[in-house]
N, C-alpha and C. Protein backbone atom coordinates (compact mmCIF):
# COMPACT_ATOMS: atom_id res chain seq x y z
N MET A 1 0.83 -1.18 0.00
CA MET A 1 0.00 0.00 0.00
C MET A 1 0.88 1.24 0.00
N ARG A 2 0.36 2.32 -0.60
CA ARG A 2 1.13 3.54 -0.76
C ARG A 2 0.70 4.60 0.24
N HIS A 3 0.55 4.25 1.49
CA HIS A 3 0.16 5.23 2.49
C HIS A 3 1.29 6.23 2.72
N ARG A 4 0.95 7.50 2.76
CA ARG A 4 1.86 8.60 3.07
C ARG A 4 3.05 8.69 2.11
N VAL A 5 2.85 8.27 0.87
CA VAL A 5 3.88 8.40 -0.15
C VAL A 5 3.32 9.36 -1.19
N LYS A 6 3.74 10.63 -1.13
CA LYS A 6 3.11 11.64 -1.97
C LYS A 6 3.98 12.11 -3.12
N ARG A 7 5.24 11.78 -3.15
CA ARG A 7 6.09 12.34 -4.19
C ARG A 7 6.83 11.24 -4.94
N THR A 8 7.33 11.61 -6.10
CA THR A 8 8.10 10.69 -6.92
C THR A 8 9.50 10.55 -6.34
N HIS A 9 10.00 9.33 -6.29
CA HIS A 9 11.32 9.10 -5.72
C HIS A 9 12.39 8.93 -6.76
N LEU A 10 12.03 8.65 -8.01
CA LEU A 10 12.97 8.51 -9.13
C LEU A 10 14.05 7.46 -8.86
N ASN A 11 13.73 6.46 -8.06
CA ASN A 11 14.66 5.38 -7.70
C ASN A 11 15.97 5.91 -7.10
N ARG A 12 15.86 6.96 -6.29
CA ARG A 12 17.02 7.56 -5.65
C ARG A 12 16.68 7.84 -4.19
N ASP A 13 17.71 7.88 -3.35
CA ASP A 13 17.46 8.26 -1.97
C ASP A 13 17.34 9.79 -1.89
N TYR A 14 17.06 10.29 -0.70
CA TYR A 14 16.73 11.70 -0.52
C TYR A 14 17.87 12.62 -0.98
N ASP A 15 19.10 12.33 -0.55
CA ASP A 15 20.22 13.21 -0.87
C ASP A 15 20.51 13.23 -2.37
N HIS A 16 20.45 12.07 -2.99
CA HIS A 16 20.71 12.00 -4.43
C HIS A 16 19.60 12.71 -5.21
N ARG A 17 18.38 12.56 -4.78
CA ARG A 17 17.24 13.22 -5.44
C ARG A 17 17.34 14.74 -5.31
N ARG A 18 17.75 15.20 -4.15
CA ARG A 18 17.90 16.64 -3.91
C ARG A 18 19.03 17.23 -4.75
N ALA A 19 20.15 16.51 -4.84
CA ALA A 19 21.28 16.96 -5.66
C ALA A 19 20.89 16.97 -7.14
N LEU A 20 20.16 15.96 -7.57
CA LEU A 20 19.69 15.89 -8.96
C LEU A 20 18.80 17.08 -9.28
N LEU A 21 17.90 17.41 -8.39
CA LEU A 21 16.99 18.53 -8.60
C LEU A 21 17.75 19.85 -8.70
N LYS A 22 18.73 20.06 -7.81
CA LYS A 22 19.52 21.29 -7.86
C LYS A 22 20.30 21.41 -9.16
N ASN A 23 20.88 20.29 -9.62
CA ASN A 23 21.64 20.32 -10.87
C ASN A 23 20.73 20.57 -12.06
N LEU A 24 19.54 19.97 -12.06
CA LEU A 24 18.60 20.20 -13.17
C LEU A 24 18.13 21.65 -13.20
N VAL A 25 17.84 22.22 -12.04
CA VAL A 25 17.39 23.61 -11.97
C VAL A 25 18.50 24.53 -12.47
N ARG A 26 19.73 24.29 -12.03
CA ARG A 26 20.86 25.12 -12.43
C ARG A 26 21.07 25.06 -13.94
N SER A 27 21.04 23.86 -14.51
CA SER A 27 21.22 23.72 -15.96
C SER A 27 20.09 24.39 -16.72
N PHE A 28 18.88 24.28 -16.20
CA PHE A 28 17.73 24.88 -16.87
C PHE A 28 17.84 26.40 -16.88
N VAL A 29 18.25 26.99 -15.77
CA VAL A 29 18.36 28.45 -15.68
C VAL A 29 19.48 28.96 -16.59
N ILE A 30 20.59 28.26 -16.63
CA ILE A 30 21.72 28.69 -17.45
C ILE A 30 21.39 28.61 -18.94
N ASN A 31 20.84 27.48 -19.38
CA ASN A 31 20.63 27.24 -20.80
C ASN A 31 19.28 27.71 -21.32
N GLY A 32 18.28 27.79 -20.47
CA GLY A 32 16.94 28.17 -20.92
C GLY A 32 16.10 26.98 -21.35
N PHE A 33 16.71 25.82 -21.46
CA PHE A 33 15.98 24.59 -21.78
C PHE A 33 16.80 23.43 -21.24
N ILE A 34 16.16 22.26 -21.19
CA ILE A 34 16.86 21.06 -20.77
C ILE A 34 16.19 19.86 -21.43
N LYS A 35 16.99 18.94 -21.94
CA LYS A 35 16.48 17.70 -22.52
C LYS A 35 16.70 16.60 -21.49
N THR A 36 15.62 15.96 -21.08
CA THR A 36 15.71 14.95 -20.04
C THR A 36 14.56 13.97 -20.20
N THR A 37 14.51 12.99 -19.32
CA THR A 37 13.40 12.03 -19.38
C THR A 37 12.14 12.68 -18.82
N LYS A 38 11.01 12.13 -19.20
CA LYS A 38 9.74 12.72 -18.80
C LYS A 38 9.52 12.73 -17.28
N PRO A 39 9.82 11.63 -16.56
CA PRO A 39 9.64 11.68 -15.10
C PRO A 39 10.49 12.74 -14.42
N LYS A 40 11.72 12.96 -14.90
CA LYS A 40 12.56 14.00 -14.30
C LYS A 40 12.00 15.39 -14.61
N ALA A 41 11.48 15.58 -15.82
CA ALA A 41 10.91 16.88 -16.19
C ALA A 41 9.66 17.17 -15.38
N VAL A 42 8.83 16.16 -15.17
CA VAL A 42 7.62 16.33 -14.36
C VAL A 42 8.00 16.65 -12.92
N PHE A 43 9.09 16.07 -12.44
CA PHE A 43 9.60 16.33 -11.10
C PHE A 43 10.19 17.73 -10.98
N LEU A 44 10.81 18.22 -12.06
CA LEU A 44 11.50 19.51 -12.06
C LEU A 44 10.56 20.69 -12.25
N ARG A 45 9.52 20.51 -13.03
CA ARG A 45 8.66 21.62 -13.45
C ARG A 45 8.05 22.43 -12.30
N PRO A 46 7.45 21.81 -11.28
CA PRO A 46 6.89 22.61 -10.19
C PRO A 46 7.95 23.42 -9.44
N LYS A 47 9.15 22.88 -9.32
CA LYS A 47 10.22 23.60 -8.63
C LYS A 47 10.61 24.85 -9.41
N VAL A 48 10.74 24.73 -10.73
CA VAL A 48 11.09 25.89 -11.55
C VAL A 48 9.99 26.93 -11.51
N GLU A 49 8.74 26.48 -11.57
CA GLU A 49 7.61 27.42 -11.53
C GLU A 49 7.62 28.20 -10.21
N ARG A 50 7.90 27.52 -9.12
CA ARG A 50 7.95 28.17 -7.82
C ARG A 50 9.11 29.18 -7.75
N LEU A 51 10.26 28.81 -8.32
CA LEU A 51 11.40 29.71 -8.32
C LEU A 51 11.15 30.94 -9.19
N VAL A 52 10.40 30.79 -10.27
CA VAL A 52 10.09 31.94 -11.11
C VAL A 52 9.20 32.91 -10.35
N ARG A 53 8.26 32.38 -9.57
CA ARG A 53 7.41 33.27 -8.76
C ARG A 53 8.25 34.08 -7.79
N TRP A 54 9.28 33.47 -7.19
CA TRP A 54 10.17 34.21 -6.31
C TRP A 54 11.00 35.21 -7.10
N ALA A 55 11.49 34.80 -8.26
CA ALA A 55 12.35 35.67 -9.06
C ALA A 55 11.60 36.89 -9.58
N LYS A 56 10.31 36.76 -9.82
CA LYS A 56 9.51 37.89 -10.27
C LYS A 56 9.46 38.99 -9.22
N LYS A 57 9.48 38.60 -7.94
CA LYS A 57 9.45 39.60 -6.88
C LYS A 57 10.76 40.37 -6.85
N GLY A 58 11.89 39.66 -6.89
CA GLY A 58 13.19 40.30 -7.01
C GLY A 58 13.71 41.04 -5.80
N ASP A 59 13.04 40.94 -4.63
CA ASP A 59 13.53 41.64 -3.45
C ASP A 59 14.61 40.80 -2.75
N VAL A 60 15.07 41.27 -1.62
CA VAL A 60 16.16 40.61 -0.90
C VAL A 60 15.74 39.22 -0.42
N ASN A 61 14.53 39.12 0.10
CA ASN A 61 14.05 37.82 0.57
C ASN A 61 13.96 36.82 -0.58
N ALA A 62 13.49 37.27 -1.73
CA ALA A 62 13.39 36.39 -2.89
C ALA A 62 14.77 35.94 -3.34
N ARG A 63 15.73 36.87 -3.34
CA ARG A 63 17.10 36.52 -3.74
C ARG A 63 17.69 35.47 -2.79
N ARG A 64 17.40 35.60 -1.50
CA ARG A 64 17.90 34.61 -0.54
C ARG A 64 17.25 33.25 -0.75
N LYS A 65 15.95 33.23 -1.06
CA LYS A 65 15.28 31.97 -1.34
C LYS A 65 15.88 31.30 -2.57
N LEU A 66 16.18 32.11 -3.61
CA LEU A 66 16.77 31.56 -4.82
C LEU A 66 18.19 31.06 -4.57
N LEU A 67 18.94 31.78 -3.75
CA LEU A 67 20.30 31.35 -3.44
C LEU A 67 20.33 30.05 -2.65
N ALA A 68 19.26 29.73 -1.95
CA ALA A 68 19.20 28.46 -1.23
C ALA A 68 19.12 27.29 -2.21
N ASP A 69 18.50 27.51 -3.37
CA ASP A 69 18.36 26.44 -4.36
C ASP A 69 19.41 26.51 -5.46
N ILE A 70 19.88 27.71 -5.79
CA ILE A 70 20.90 27.89 -6.82
C ILE A 70 22.05 28.66 -6.18
N PRO A 71 23.05 27.98 -5.65
CA PRO A 71 24.07 28.68 -4.85
C PRO A 71 25.13 29.40 -5.70
N ASP A 72 24.69 30.21 -6.66
CA ASP A 72 25.60 31.00 -7.47
C ASP A 72 24.95 32.35 -7.74
N GLY A 73 25.56 33.41 -7.25
CA GLY A 73 24.96 34.74 -7.32
C GLY A 73 24.76 35.24 -8.74
N LYS A 74 25.69 34.93 -9.65
CA LYS A 74 25.57 35.40 -11.03
C LYS A 74 24.37 34.75 -11.72
N ILE A 75 24.19 33.48 -11.47
CA ILE A 75 23.07 32.75 -12.09
C ILE A 75 21.75 33.27 -11.53
N VAL A 76 21.71 33.55 -10.23
CA VAL A 76 20.49 34.07 -9.61
C VAL A 76 20.16 35.45 -10.19
N SER A 77 21.17 36.29 -10.38
CA SER A 77 20.92 37.61 -10.97
C SER A 77 20.39 37.48 -12.39
N LYS A 78 20.96 36.56 -13.17
CA LYS A 78 20.48 36.31 -14.53
C LYS A 78 19.03 35.81 -14.51
N PHE A 79 18.74 34.94 -13.55
CA PHE A 79 17.40 34.37 -13.42
C PHE A 79 16.38 35.46 -13.10
N ILE A 80 16.74 36.38 -12.21
CA ILE A 80 15.83 37.48 -11.86
C ILE A 80 15.59 38.38 -13.06
N GLU A 81 16.63 38.64 -13.85
CA GLU A 81 16.47 39.46 -15.05
C GLU A 81 15.58 38.77 -16.07
N ASP A 82 15.77 37.45 -16.26
CA ASP A 82 14.95 36.70 -17.22
C ASP A 82 13.50 36.59 -16.77
N ALA A 83 13.27 36.60 -15.46
CA ALA A 83 11.91 36.44 -14.94
C ALA A 83 11.07 37.69 -15.13
N LYS A 84 11.70 38.83 -15.44
CA LYS A 84 10.92 40.05 -15.67
C LYS A 84 10.03 39.93 -16.90
N VAL A 85 10.35 39.00 -17.80
CA VAL A 85 9.52 38.77 -18.98
C VAL A 85 8.14 38.26 -18.56
N PHE A 86 8.07 37.55 -17.43
CA PHE A 86 6.84 36.93 -16.97
C PHE A 86 6.07 37.77 -15.96
N LYS A 87 6.35 39.07 -15.87
CA LYS A 87 5.74 39.87 -14.82
C LYS A 87 4.22 39.94 -14.91
N ASP A 88 3.64 39.84 -16.11
CA ASP A 88 2.18 39.91 -16.27
C ASP A 88 1.54 38.54 -16.27
N LYS A 89 2.33 37.48 -16.27
CA LYS A 89 1.80 36.12 -16.36
C LYS A 89 1.64 35.52 -14.98
N GLN A 90 0.56 34.79 -14.76
CA GLN A 90 0.26 34.23 -13.44
C GLN A 90 0.73 32.79 -13.25
N GLY A 91 1.19 32.15 -14.29
CA GLY A 91 1.65 30.77 -14.18
C GLY A 91 1.92 30.22 -15.56
N GLY A 92 2.36 28.97 -15.62
CA GLY A 92 2.64 28.35 -16.90
C GLY A 92 3.88 28.93 -17.55
N TYR A 93 4.96 29.03 -16.77
CA TYR A 93 6.18 29.64 -17.28
C TYR A 93 6.99 28.68 -18.14
N THR A 94 6.75 27.39 -17.99
CA THR A 94 7.50 26.39 -18.75
C THR A 94 6.57 25.54 -19.59
N LYS A 95 7.15 24.90 -20.60
CA LYS A 95 6.38 23.96 -21.41
C LYS A 95 7.26 22.76 -21.72
N MET A 96 6.59 21.60 -21.88
CA MET A 96 7.30 20.37 -22.21
C MET A 96 6.97 19.99 -23.64
N VAL A 97 8.01 19.71 -24.41
CA VAL A 97 7.86 19.28 -25.79
C VAL A 97 8.36 17.85 -25.89
N ASN A 98 7.51 16.94 -26.36
CA ASN A 98 7.91 15.54 -26.48
C ASN A 98 8.91 15.37 -27.61
N LEU A 99 10.00 14.62 -27.33
CA LEU A 99 11.04 14.37 -28.32
C LEU A 99 11.05 12.94 -28.81
N GLY A 100 10.14 12.12 -28.33
CA GLY A 100 10.13 10.71 -28.71
C GLY A 100 10.81 9.87 -27.65
N THR A 101 11.38 8.74 -28.07
CA THR A 101 12.01 7.84 -27.11
C THR A 101 13.52 7.79 -27.36
N ARG A 102 14.25 7.51 -26.31
CA ARG A 102 15.70 7.37 -26.39
C ARG A 102 16.01 6.01 -26.98
N LEU A 103 17.02 5.93 -27.84
CA LEU A 103 17.32 4.69 -28.54
C LEU A 103 17.81 3.59 -27.60
N GLY A 104 18.58 3.92 -26.61
CA GLY A 104 19.19 2.91 -25.76
C GLY A 104 18.21 2.12 -24.93
N ASP A 105 17.28 2.80 -24.27
CA ASP A 105 16.38 2.11 -23.34
C ASP A 105 14.91 2.46 -23.54
N ARG A 106 14.58 3.15 -24.62
CA ARG A 106 13.20 3.50 -24.96
C ARG A 106 12.54 4.39 -23.89
N ALA A 107 13.33 5.17 -23.18
CA ALA A 107 12.78 6.11 -22.21
C ALA A 107 12.19 7.30 -22.96
N SER A 108 11.04 7.77 -22.52
CA SER A 108 10.41 8.92 -23.18
C SER A 108 11.18 10.19 -22.83
N MET A 109 11.62 10.92 -23.86
CA MET A 109 12.41 12.12 -23.68
C MET A 109 11.57 13.35 -23.96
N VAL A 110 11.81 14.41 -23.21
CA VAL A 110 11.11 15.68 -23.41
C VAL A 110 12.13 16.81 -23.34
N LYS A 111 11.72 17.94 -23.89
CA LYS A 111 12.51 19.16 -23.78
C LYS A 111 11.70 20.13 -22.95
N LEU A 112 12.22 20.50 -21.81
CA LEU A 112 11.57 21.48 -20.93
C LEU A 112 12.16 22.84 -21.25
N GLU A 113 11.32 23.79 -21.62
CA GLU A 113 11.80 25.12 -22.00
C GLU A 113 10.84 26.18 -21.50
N TRP A 114 11.27 27.44 -21.59
CA TRP A 114 10.41 28.56 -21.19
C TRP A 114 9.25 28.64 -22.17
N SER A 115 8.07 28.98 -21.66
CA SER A 115 6.91 29.11 -22.54
C SER A 115 7.02 30.36 -23.39
N LYS A 116 7.59 31.43 -22.84
CA LYS A 116 7.82 32.66 -23.58
C LYS A 116 9.29 32.99 -23.38
N MET A 117 10.11 32.69 -24.40
CA MET A 117 11.56 32.85 -24.27
C MET A 117 11.94 34.32 -24.14
N PRO A 118 12.80 34.65 -23.19
CA PRO A 118 13.31 36.01 -23.10
C PRO A 118 14.16 36.33 -24.32
N LYS A 119 13.98 37.52 -24.89
CA LYS A 119 14.79 37.91 -26.04
C LYS A 119 16.15 38.35 -25.55
N LYS A 120 17.18 37.80 -26.18
CA LYS A 120 18.54 38.12 -25.79
C LYS A 120 19.18 38.95 -26.90
N GLU A 121 20.01 39.90 -26.49
CA GLU A 121 20.72 40.71 -27.47
C GLU A 121 21.88 39.91 -28.03
N VAL A 122 21.96 39.87 -29.34
CA VAL A 122 23.03 39.15 -30.01
C VAL A 122 23.86 40.17 -30.76
N SER A 123 25.15 40.18 -30.49
CA SER A 123 26.01 41.11 -31.20
C SER A 123 26.63 40.41 -32.40
N VAL A 124 26.54 41.04 -33.55
CA VAL A 124 27.06 40.50 -34.78
C VAL A 124 28.14 41.45 -35.28
N LYS A 125 29.29 40.89 -35.61
CA LYS A 125 30.37 41.73 -36.11
C LYS A 125 30.26 41.84 -37.62
N LYS A 126 30.22 43.06 -38.12
CA LYS A 126 30.14 43.32 -39.54
C LYS A 126 31.35 44.15 -39.95
N GLU A 127 31.82 43.88 -41.15
CA GLU A 127 32.94 44.65 -41.68
C GLU A 127 32.39 45.71 -42.61
N GLU A 128 32.83 46.93 -42.41
CA GLU A 128 32.45 48.02 -43.29
C GLU A 128 33.71 48.60 -43.90
N GLU A 129 33.58 49.02 -45.13
CA GLU A 129 34.73 49.61 -45.80
C GLU A 129 34.52 51.11 -45.88
N VAL A 130 35.38 51.83 -45.18
CA VAL A 130 35.31 53.29 -45.17
C VAL A 130 36.64 53.82 -45.69
N GLU A 131 36.60 54.53 -46.78
CA GLU A 131 37.77 55.12 -47.42
C GLU A 131 38.86 54.09 -47.66
N GLY A 132 38.48 52.91 -48.12
CA GLY A 132 39.45 51.88 -48.45
C GLY A 132 39.95 51.08 -47.26
N LYS A 133 39.50 51.38 -46.04
CA LYS A 133 39.92 50.64 -44.85
C LYS A 133 38.77 49.78 -44.35
N LYS A 134 39.09 48.55 -43.95
CA LYS A 134 38.07 47.67 -43.39
C LYS A 134 37.97 47.91 -41.90
N ILE A 135 36.78 48.17 -41.44
CA ILE A 135 36.53 48.44 -40.03
C ILE A 135 35.53 47.42 -39.52
N LYS A 136 35.87 46.76 -38.42
CA LYS A 136 34.93 45.82 -37.80
C LYS A 136 34.03 46.59 -36.86
N LYS A 137 32.75 46.35 -36.99
CA LYS A 137 31.78 47.09 -36.22
C LYS A 137 30.82 46.11 -35.56
N GLU A 138 30.49 46.33 -34.28
CA GLU A 138 29.53 45.47 -33.59
C GLU A 138 28.15 46.09 -33.71
N VAL A 139 27.21 45.26 -34.14
CA VAL A 139 25.83 45.69 -34.29
C VAL A 139 24.99 44.81 -33.38
N LYS A 140 24.17 45.42 -32.52
CA LYS A 140 23.33 44.65 -31.60
C LYS A 140 21.96 44.44 -32.22
N ASP A 141 21.56 43.16 -32.32
CA ASP A 141 20.24 42.81 -32.81
C ASP A 141 19.36 42.43 -31.65
N LYS A 142 18.09 42.77 -31.74
CA LYS A 142 17.17 42.39 -30.66
C LYS A 142 16.18 41.41 -31.19
């Protein structure tokens, strides 16, 4: 019987499951997406949604809550900046896209990504010729 068993264990003990969750959250925040198995994505999604709600607030208390789960100040600052895109949204910050099955063990794979991707500035170097001289110029695209 499954009395008092409310969460997925992912065939790991508590410490391993907690470390796995922290690593998945960190990778997701850095890259903006993550390719993983469906059970791990289902396990990760509520945690990311909760962290986005804290990041939207952006105050000192929220920053401390985020630092408890992502122990890197630069990543937390980036996360707070990216969360400003969701300031008018009340939930549903992530989406799962099915990728099919993995060849080795037929595990169902998904891509967990932001539902509304933050636009990032991309600098492109262009060469311009002015009076016979080539000049490299950085142009920022939005």
